[in-house]
C-alpha atoms as a PDB file:
ATOM      1  CA  MET A   1      68.902 -83.238 -15.537  1.00  0.00           C
ATOM      2  CA  SER A   2      68.761 -81.595 -18.956  1.00  0.00           C
ATOM      3  CA  GLU A   3      66.641 -78.555 -19.804  1.00  0.00           C
ATOM      4  CA  SER A   4      64.136 -80.620 -21.761  1.00  0.00           C
ATOM      5  CA  GLU A   5      63.300 -82.797 -18.765  1.00  0.00           C
ATOM      6  CA  THR A   6      60.901 -81.554 -16.108  1.00  0.00           C
ATOM      7  CA  PRO A   7      61.017 -82.817 -12.545  1.00  0.00           C
ATOM      8  CA  ALA A   8      58.122 -84.913 -11.295  1.00  0.00           C
ATOM      9  CA  ALA A   9      55.574 -83.193  -9.079  1.00  0.00           C
ATOM     10  CA  PRO A  10      55.643 -84.108  -5.395  1.00  0.00           C
ATOM     11  CA  ALA A  11      52.990 -86.567  -4.245  1.00  0.00           C
ATOM     12  CA  GLY A  12      49.590 -84.954  -3.777  1.00  0.00           C
ATOM     13  CA  GLU A  13      50.409 -81.859  -5.833  1.00  0.00           C
ATOM     14  CA  VAL A  14      48.345 -81.176  -8.913  1.00  0.00           C
ATOM     15  CA  VAL A  15      50.299 -80.319 -12.021  1.00  0.00           C
ATOM     16  CA  SER A  16      48.598 -77.683 -14.136  1.00  0.00           C
ATOM     17  CA  ARG A  17      49.095 -77.955 -17.865  1.00  0.00           C
ATOM     18  CA  ALA A  18      48.839 -75.165 -20.358  1.00  0.00           C
ATOM     19  CA  ARG A  19      45.451 -75.115 -22.043  1.00  0.00           C
ATOM     20  CA  ALA A  20      44.884 -74.300 -25.669  1.00  0.00           C
ATOM     21  CA  LYS A  21      44.265 -70.609 -26.172  1.00  0.00           C
ATOM     22  CA  ASP A  22      42.204 -71.107 -29.312  1.00  0.00           C
ATOM     23  CA  HIS A  23      38.697 -69.998 -28.414  1.00  0.00           C
ATOM     24  CA  SER A  24      37.589 -69.201 -31.933  1.00  0.00           C
ATOM     25  CA  PRO A  25      33.854 -69.056 -32.615  1.00  0.00           C
ATOM     26  CA  TRP A  26      34.553 -71.140 -35.720  1.00  0.00           C
ATOM     27  CA  ASN A  27      35.003 -74.155 -33.419  1.00  0.00           C
ATOM     28  CA  TRP A  28      31.249 -74.146 -32.717  1.00  0.00           C
ATOM     29  CA  LEU A  29      30.739 -75.224 -36.317  1.00  0.00           C
ATOM     30  CA  LEU A  30      32.214 -78.620 -35.398  1.00  0.00           C
ATOM     31  CA  PHE A  31      29.004 -79.475 -33.541  1.00  0.00           C
ATOM     32  CA  LEU A  32      27.134 -79.543 -36.853  1.00  0.00           C
ATOM     33  CA  PRO A  33      28.392 -82.971 -38.056  1.00  0.00           C
ATOM     34  CA  ILE A  34      27.759 -84.380 -34.580  1.00  0.00           C
ATOM     35  CA  VAL A  35      24.207 -83.112 -34.119  1.00  0.00           C
ATOM     36  CA  VAL A  36      22.787 -83.429 -37.647  1.00  0.00           C
ATOM     37  CA  PRO A  37      23.127 -87.260 -37.851  1.00  0.00           C
ATOM     38  CA  LEU A  38      21.262 -87.502 -34.540  1.00  0.00           C
ATOM     39  CA  ILE A  39      18.143 -85.987 -36.121  1.00  0.00           C
ATOM     40  CA  THR A  40      16.472 -89.272 -37.038  1.00  0.00           C
ATOM     41  CA  PRO A  41      13.472 -87.854 -38.952  1.00  0.00           C
ATOM     42  CA  LEU A  42      15.965 -86.897 -41.674  1.00  0.00           C
ATOM     43  CA  PHE A  43      16.554 -90.514 -42.665  1.00  0.00           C
ATOM     44  CA  ASN A  44      13.534 -92.350 -41.289  1.00  0.00           C
ATOM     45  CA  ALA A  45      12.130 -93.147 -44.729  1.00  0.00           C
ATOM     46  CA  ASP A  46      12.677 -95.410 -47.702  1.00  0.00           C
ATOM     47  CA  SER A  47      12.372 -92.714 -50.323  1.00  0.00           C
ATOM     48  CA  PRO A  48      13.766 -90.730 -52.031  1.00  0.00           C
ATOM     49  CA  ARG A  49      16.142 -93.187 -53.619  1.00  0.00           C
ATOM     50  CA  LEU A  50      19.406 -92.178 -55.236  1.00  0.00           C
ATOM     51  CA  PHE A  51      20.792 -94.649 -57.791  1.00  0.00           C
ATOM     52  CA  GLY A  52      18.537 -97.283 -56.222  1.00  0.00           C
ATOM     53  CA  PHE A  53      19.843 -96.745 -52.679  1.00  0.00           C
ATOM     54  CA  PRO A  54      17.386 -95.791 -49.914  1.00  0.00           C
ATOM     55  CA  VAL A  55      17.783 -92.428 -48.252  1.00  0.00           C
ATOM     56  CA  PHE A  56      19.421 -93.976 -45.166  1.00  0.00           C
ATOM     57  CA  TYR A  57      22.479 -95.178 -47.076  1.00  0.00           C
ATOM     58  CA  TRP A  58      23.212 -92.174 -49.231  1.00  0.00           C
ATOM     59  CA  LEU A  59      22.498 -89.775 -46.380  1.00  0.00           C
ATOM     60  CA  GLN A  60      25.204 -91.517 -44.319  1.00  0.00           C
ATOM     61  CA  LEU A  61      27.678 -90.655 -47.079  1.00  0.00           C
ATOM     62  CA  ALA A  62      26.367 -87.084 -47.072  1.00  0.00           C
ATOM     63  CA  PHE A  63      27.029 -86.921 -43.311  1.00  0.00           C
ATOM     64  CA  ILE A  64      30.631 -87.947 -43.947  1.00  0.00           C
ATOM     65  CA  LEU A  65      30.993 -85.181 -46.514  1.00  0.00           C
ATOM     66  CA  LEU A  66      29.425 -82.740 -44.031  1.00  0.00           C
ATOM     67  CA  GLY A  67      31.997 -83.724 -41.397  1.00  0.00           C
ATOM     68  CA  VAL A  68      34.918 -83.422 -43.797  1.00  0.00           C
ATOM     69  CA  GLY A  69      33.645 -80.100 -45.111  1.00  0.00           C
ATOM     70  CA  THR A  70      33.092 -78.500 -41.712  1.00  0.00           C
ATOM     71  CA  THR A  71      36.433 -79.772 -40.394  1.00  0.00           C
ATOM     72  CA  THR A  72      38.185 -78.294 -43.430  1.00  0.00           C
ATOM     73  CA  VAL A  73      36.437 -74.941 -43.061  1.00  0.00           C
ATOM     74  CA  VAL A  74      37.184 -74.714 -39.332  1.00  0.00           C
ATOM     75  CA  TYR A  75      40.818 -75.666 -39.875  1.00  0.00           C
ATOM     76  CA  GLN A  76      41.314 -73.120 -42.655  1.00  0.00           C
ATOM     77  CA  MET A  77      39.652 -70.336 -40.657  1.00  0.00           C
ATOM     78  CA  THR A  78      41.501 -71.006 -37.390  1.00  0.00           C
ATOM     79  CA  LYS A  79      45.000 -71.959 -38.471  1.00  0.00           C
ATOM     80  CA  LYS A  80      47.767 -69.621 -37.438  1.00  0.00           C
ATOM     81  CA  ARG A  81      49.029 -67.428 -40.219  1.00  0.00           C
ATOM     82  CA  GLY A  82      52.674 -66.456 -40.453  1.00  0.00           C
END
């Protein structure tokens, strides 16, 4: 058996895996694009319209931009330097 291979655990034994050690508070920001679209009063209307589109449609695109933006910020703030 080579060094890169690990032996299988015996039957009934739980194999513990290493958990990520990244417990940055920046990760809490990732809840924002999950929770904000669930607030239905934000888009429960026909107006205002943007380029003729009701608020529901253009707000969905805004939610996408919110998700991309927060993911980018969290990644930049938590990536390992050096």
